[in-house]
Amino acid sequence: MARIQFWTVAALIISIGFLFMNFRDWLPYDSAKKVTYEIAGRWELPIELREVSGIAWLRDNTIAAVQDEDGIIFLYDLQRQKVTQEIKFGHAGDYEGLAVHDKDAYLLESNGTITIVKNFQDHDRTVTSFDTGFDIENNMESLEYDAQNNRLLIIPKDRDAASDRVKSIYAFSLRTNTLDPKPIYTIDMGDEVLKNFREKKLYKTFRPSDMAIHPQTGEMYVLEGSKPKLLILDKQGTAQHAYKFDKRIFPQPEGITFDPDGTLYIASEGKKDGIGTITELKLLP
């Protein structure tokens, strides 16, 4: 009888451990700072944007979006709740990041390639691609246009060029079309702000999926899709807050953008047979 009880308890412990390892992402971090937010709007995207991977504010009620397979920029009208235009700019690829400035669009592939589409809404658009020196091992997903310095900003999702202990933000000059190997900001995976998200493999502590500069404050909002969270850096690049998101609302947040007034939008992929979404979010004090 004692032997049966022992094996019963052992099996129960193993089962609990298995369930924890598989569903721990759905559990709250005990001491993590919880983000309090208000969902001000939510849009279900069409099937072609189920794997939405990057978004950028365009104008009025329109957000530009890209998904991670086709060389197409989708223009989504929030008011009409529909895609109003599809702009084919190139071949199939793993497109992860999108930024827009004036008449030009910028795209980032996971292998680090940056594609510039001049006059992307015109028939005479021109497309040019540039190598940044990063590759698939770095797994590049995040792209933002820095209007103050006329440059693009990128950050590795996985392994940084310098060390597994950091994730650095690098600048790609739109004047010379070259990447500065010296980062402008560095996020330390051992930072106190990230202590509640620490992983055994340190580089997995924070895995950026997109980023956006707040137009009013200059703060950098860096998103993670793997284990949904948001990291906010101040104008000097110092980590201020890290928040965990509800995975039921944001299964895999891959895109983030602001409108000129500072309204925050987050795009999330639809898991498995789920639906891609864009959510208007208000962070509460």
Protein backbone atom coordinates (compact mmCIF):
# COMPACT_ATOMS: atom_id res chain seq x y z
CA MET A 1 0.00 0.00 0.00
CA ALA A 2 2.85 2.40 0.87
CA ARG A 3 4.48 1.70 -2.51
CA ILE A 4 1.21 2.48 -4.32
CA GLN A 5 0.81 5.73 -2.36
CA PHE A 6 4.40 6.75 -3.18
CA TRP A 7 3.96 6.25 -6.91
CA THR A 8 0.59 8.00 -6.81
CA VAL A 9 2.13 11.07 -5.16
CA ALA A 10 5.11 10.97 -7.55
CA ALA A 11 2.81 10.83 -10.57
CA LEU A 12 0.78 13.74 -9.19
CA ILE A 13 3.91 15.88 -8.70
CA ILE A 14 5.13 15.10 -12.22
CA SER A 15 1.72 15.99 -13.66
CA ILE A 16 1.63 19.31 -11.80
CA GLY A 17 5.14 20.09 -12.99
CA PHE A 18 4.18 19.29 -16.59
CA LEU A 19 1.13 21.55 -16.41
CA PHE A 20 3.16 24.39 -14.89
CA MET A 21 5.85 24.23 -17.57
CA ASN A 22 3.29 24.25 -20.37
CA PHE A 23 0.95 26.91 -19.02
CA ARG A 24 3.23 29.13 -16.93
CA ASP A 25 2.98 31.94 -19.49
CA TRP A 26 -0.68 32.30 -18.54
CA LEU A 27 0.18 32.81 -14.86
CA PRO A 28 0.95 36.21 -13.30
CA TYR A 29 4.45 36.96 -12.03
CA ASP A 30 4.14 37.15 -8.25
CA SER A 31 5.86 40.48 -7.80
CA ALA A 32 5.74 41.86 -11.32
CA LYS A 33 4.36 45.34 -11.78
CA LYS A 34 0.92 44.88 -13.31
CA VAL A 35 -0.06 47.24 -16.07
CA THR A 36 -3.47 48.76 -15.61
CA TYR A 37 -4.99 49.66 -18.90
CA GLU A 38 -8.21 50.45 -20.62
CA ILE A 39 -9.15 49.02 -23.99
CA ALA A 40 -10.54 51.97 -25.90
CA GLY A 41 -11.06 50.14 -29.19
CA ARG A 42 -10.48 46.76 -30.79
CA TRP A 43 -10.53 45.65 -34.42
CA GLU A 44 -10.58 42.10 -35.78
CA LEU A 45 -8.41 41.89 -38.87
CA PRO A 46 -9.18 39.93 -42.06
CA ILE A 47 -7.68 36.49 -42.60
CA GLU A 48 -4.78 37.83 -44.68
CA LEU A 49 -3.58 39.70 -41.58
CA ARG A 50 -3.95 36.82 -39.13
CA GLU A 51 -0.15 36.84 -38.81
CA VAL A 52 0.19 40.62 -38.66
CA SER A 53 3.82 41.35 -37.80
CA GLY A 54 4.25 45.12 -37.95
CA ILE A 55 2.13 48.27 -38.00
CA ALA A 56 2.70 51.98 -38.52
CA TRP A 57 0.39 54.97 -38.28
CA LEU A 58 -0.26 56.47 -41.71
CA ARG A 59 -2.85 59.24 -41.49
CA ASP A 60 -6.38 60.01 -40.27
CA ASN A 61 -7.88 56.64 -39.34
CA THR A 62 -5.50 54.51 -41.38
CA ILE A 63 -2.82 52.12 -40.15
CA ALA A 64 -0.32 50.46 -42.48
CA ALA A 65 0.35 46.80 -41.71
CA VAL A 66 2.53 43.97 -42.94
CA GLN A 67 2.40 40.25 -42.32
CA ASP A 68 5.37 37.93 -42.16
CA GLU A 69 5.04 36.09 -45.47
CA ASP A 70 4.07 38.30 -48.40
CA GLY A 71 5.69 41.45 -49.78
CA ILE A 72 2.50 43.46 -49.36
CA ILE A 73 1.67 46.57 -47.32
CA PHE A 74 -1.97 46.58 -46.23
CA LEU A 75 -3.76 49.85 -45.49
CA TYR A 76 -6.40 49.29 -42.81
CA ASP A 77 -9.08 51.91 -42.17
CA LEU A 78 -10.06 51.84 -38.48
CA GLN A 79 -13.31 53.73 -39.06
CA ARG A 80 -14.48 51.56 -41.96
CA GLN A 81 -13.01 48.42 -40.34
CA LYS A 82 -11.56 47.08 -43.57
CA VAL A 83 -8.46 46.87 -45.71
CA THR A 84 -8.76 49.66 -48.27
CA GLN A 85 -5.60 49.00 -50.28
CA GLU A 86 -2.96 46.30 -50.79
CA ILE A 87 0.40 47.52 -52.06
CA LYS A 88 2.70 44.84 -53.43
CA PHE A 89 6.30 45.95 -53.13
CA GLY A 90 8.37 42.77 -53.39
CA HIS A 91 8.89 39.05 -53.16
CA ALA A 92 7.73 36.74 -50.39
CA GLY A 93 9.86 36.97 -47.26
CA ASP A 94 9.80 37.02 -43.48
CA TYR A 95 8.78 40.67 -43.05
CA GLU A 96 8.63 41.58 -39.36
CA GLY A 97 8.95 45.33 -38.99
CA LEU A 98 7.29 48.33 -40.67
CA ALA A 99 7.80 52.08 -40.43
CA VAL A 100 6.39 54.91 -42.52
CA HIS A 101 7.53 58.50 -43.01
CA ASP A 102 5.94 60.89 -45.48
CA LYS A 103 5.70 59.02 -48.80
CA ASP A 104 8.20 56.29 -47.96
CA ALA A 105 7.84 52.93 -46.25
CA TYR A 106 10.58 50.92 -44.54
CA LEU A 107 10.51 47.19 -43.89
CA LEU A 108 12.67 44.87 -41.83
CA GLU A 109 13.11 41.15 -42.46
CA SER A 110 14.11 38.69 -39.75
CA ASN A 111 17.51 38.24 -41.44
CA GLY A 112 18.28 41.93 -40.88
CA THR A 113 17.60 43.17 -44.41
CA ILE A 114 16.06 46.65 -44.57
CA THR A 115 13.93 47.47 -47.61
CA ILE A 116 13.12 51.08 -48.50
CA VAL A 117 10.06 51.66 -50.69
CA LYS A 118 10.12 55.23 -52.02
CA ASN A 119 6.70 56.69 -52.85
CA PHE A 120 5.17 53.41 -51.70
CA GLN A 121 1.60 54.43 -52.59
CA ASP A 122 2.47 55.49 -56.16
CA HIS A 123 2.72 53.31 -59.24
CA ASP A 124 6.26 54.52 -59.89
CA ARG A 125 7.51 53.41 -56.45
CA THR A 126 11.14 52.29 -56.20
CA VAL A 127 12.38 49.46 -53.99
CA THR A 128 15.92 49.14 -52.62
CA SER A 129 17.25 46.70 -50.04
CA PHE A 130 20.24 47.02 -47.71
CA ASP A 131 22.21 44.56 -45.60
CA THR A 132 22.66 45.54 -41.94
CA GLY A 133 25.13 42.84 -40.96
CA PHE A 134 22.55 41.04 -38.82
CA ASP A 135 21.19 37.62 -39.75
CA ILE A 136 18.53 35.09 -38.81
CA GLU A 137 20.40 34.15 -35.62
CA ASN A 138 19.78 37.67 -34.34
CA ASN A 139 16.12 37.37 -35.41
CA MET A 140 15.31 40.98 -36.26
CA GLU A 141 11.68 42.08 -35.78
CA SER A 142 11.59 45.63 -34.42
CA LEU A 143 11.74 48.75 -36.59
CA GLU A 144 10.99 52.39 -35.86
CA TYR A 145 11.54 55.68 -37.70
CA ASP A 146 13.33 58.29 -35.60
CA ALA A 147 12.08 61.58 -37.07
CA GLN A 148 14.33 63.76 -34.94
CA ASN A 149 17.47 62.18 -36.41
CA ASN A 150 16.17 60.91 -39.79
CA ARG A 151 17.16 57.33 -39.10
CA LEU A 152 15.72 53.88 -38.54
CA LEU A 153 16.09 52.06 -35.24
CA ILE A 154 16.37 48.27 -34.92
CA ILE A 155 16.97 45.83 -32.07
CA PRO A 156 17.61 42.05 -32.10
CA LYS A 157 14.93 39.74 -30.75
CA ASP A 158 17.37 36.98 -29.82
CA ARG A 159 21.14 37.25 -29.77
CA ASP A 160 22.73 40.68 -29.77
CA ALA A 161 25.90 41.38 -31.72
CA ALA A 162 27.73 42.27 -28.51
CA SER A 163 26.61 39.84 -25.81
CA ASP A 164 23.75 37.61 -24.65
CA ARG A 165 23.47 39.87 -21.61
CA VAL A 166 22.19 42.85 -23.58
CA LYS A 167 19.74 43.88 -26.27
CA SER A 168 20.98 46.98 -28.05
CA ILE A 169 19.15 49.51 -30.21
CA TYR A 170 21.09 50.33 -33.36
CA ALA A 171 20.66 53.22 -35.81
CA PHE A 172 20.48 52.89 -39.59
CA SER A 173 21.24 56.22 -41.27
CA LEU A 174 18.87 57.23 -44.06
CA ARG A 175 21.48 59.68 -45.29
CA THR A 176 24.18 57.06 -45.93
CA ASN A 177 22.01 53.90 -45.86
CA THR A 178 24.43 52.29 -43.44
CA LEU A 179 24.18 50.85 -39.93
CA ASP A 180 26.21 52.37 -37.13
CA PRO A 181 27.81 49.39 -35.31
CA LYS A 182 27.82 51.38 -32.08
CA PRO A 183 24.41 51.12 -30.36
CA ILE A 184 22.56 54.23 -29.26
CA TYR A 185 20.92 52.43 -26.29
CA THR A 186 21.64 49.17 -24.50
CA ILE A 187 19.12 47.22 -22.42
CA ASP A 188 20.80 45.05 -19.78
CA MET A 189 18.99 41.73 -19.34
CA GLY A 190 20.10 41.88 -15.71
CA ASP A 191 18.42 45.26 -15.17
CA GLU A 192 16.40 45.51 -11.97
CA VAL A 193 13.36 46.53 -14.03
CA LEU A 194 13.39 43.07 -15.68
CA LYS A 195 14.02 41.04 -12.53
CA ASN A 196 10.55 39.48 -12.52
CA PHE A 197 11.00 38.21 -16.08
CA ARG A 198 14.46 36.72 -15.73
CA GLU A 199 15.11 33.52 -17.71
CA LYS A 200 17.87 30.91 -17.30
CA LYS A 201 19.05 31.73 -20.81
CA LEU A 202 19.57 35.40 -20.16
CA TYR A 203 18.98 36.55 -23.73
CA LYS A 204 15.42 35.19 -23.48
CA THR A 205 14.58 37.54 -20.60
CA PHE A 206 13.28 40.12 -23.05
CA ARG A 207 12.74 39.36 -26.74
CA PRO A 208 11.60 42.51 -28.62
CA SER A 209 8.97 42.12 -31.33
CA ASP A 210 8.50 45.82 -32.16
CA MET A 211 9.07 49.31 -30.80
CA ALA A 212 7.67 52.82 -31.14
CA ILE A 213 8.66 56.30 -29.99
CA HIS A 214 5.97 58.19 -28.09
CA PRO A 215 5.40 61.39 -30.12
CA GLN A 216 4.77 63.55 -27.05
CA THR A 217 7.30 62.30 -24.48
CA GLY A 218 10.05 60.79 -26.64
CA GLU A 219 9.92 57.60 -24.57
CA MET A 220 10.61 54.33 -26.32
CA TYR A 221 7.96 51.63 -26.00
CA VAL A 222 9.44 48.18 -26.69
CA LEU A 223 7.06 45.26 -27.11
CA GLU A 224 7.59 41.53 -26.66
CA GLY A 225 5.33 38.98 -28.35
CA SER A 226 6.71 35.66 -27.09
CA LYS A 227 5.73 36.25 -23.46
CA PRO A 228 3.63 39.40 -23.87
CA LYS A 229 5.11 42.36 -22.10
CA LEU A 230 5.94 46.03 -22.59
CA LEU A 231 9.18 47.79 -21.63
CA ILE A 232 9.31 51.58 -21.47
CA LEU A 233 12.61 53.44 -21.83
CA ASP A 234 13.07 57.13 -21.12
CA LYS A 235 14.59 59.54 -23.67
CA GLN A 236 18.09 58.56 -22.51
CA GLY A 237 17.39 54.87 -23.09
CA THR A 238 17.11 53.95 -19.40
CA ALA A 239 14.58 51.23 -18.58
CA GLN A 240 11.75 52.69 -16.49
CA HIS A 241 8.96 50.11 -16.33
CA ALA A 242 8.29 46.57 -17.52
CA TYR A 243 4.72 45.33 -17.66
CA LYS A 244 3.16 41.95 -18.33
CA PHE A 245 0.18 41.75 -20.68
CA ASP A 246 -2.73 39.33 -20.51
CA LYS A 247 -2.06 36.61 -23.07
CA ARG A 248 -5.78 36.04 -23.52
CA ILE A 249 -6.11 39.58 -24.86
CA PHE A 250 -2.74 39.73 -26.60
CA PRO A 251 -1.84 36.17 -27.68
CA GLN A 252 1.25 37.34 -29.57
CA PRO A 253 1.65 41.12 -29.81
CA GLU A 254 3.93 41.83 -32.77
CA GLY A 255 3.26 45.45 -33.73
CA ILE A 256 3.08 48.78 -31.91
CA THR A 257 2.51 52.35 -33.11
CA PHE A 258 1.25 55.75 -31.97
CA ASP A 259 -0.88 58.32 -33.72
CA PRO A 260 0.40 61.94 -33.61
CA ASP A 261 -1.62 62.63 -30.43
CA GLY A 262 0.02 59.75 -28.56
CA THR A 263 -2.80 57.21 -28.84
CA LEU A 264 -1.29 53.73 -28.52
CA TYR A 265 -2.15 50.85 -30.85
CA ILE A 266 -0.94 47.26 -30.50
CA ALA A 267 -1.37 44.54 -33.12
CA SER A 268 -1.45 40.88 -32.12
CA GLU A 269 -1.23 37.77 -34.24
CA GLY A 270 -4.05 35.25 -34.03
CA LYS A 271 -2.75 32.04 -32.50
CA LYS A 272 -3.47 28.85 -34.47
CA ASP A 273 -6.97 29.45 -35.86
CA GLY A 274 -7.35 32.77 -34.05
CA ILE A 275 -7.90 36.22 -35.53
CA GLY A 276 -5.33 39.00 -35.79
CA THR A 277 -6.31 42.16 -33.93
CA ILE A 278 -5.45 45.82 -33.45
CA THR A 279 -6.19 47.22 -30.00
CA GLU A 280 -6.29 50.86 -28.94
CA LEU A 281 -4.84 50.90 -25.45
CA LYS A 282 -4.77 53.51 -22.72
CA LEU A 283 -2.21 52.93 -19.97
CA LEU A 284 -3.58 54.18 -16.67
CA PRO A 285 -1.45 55.82 -13.95
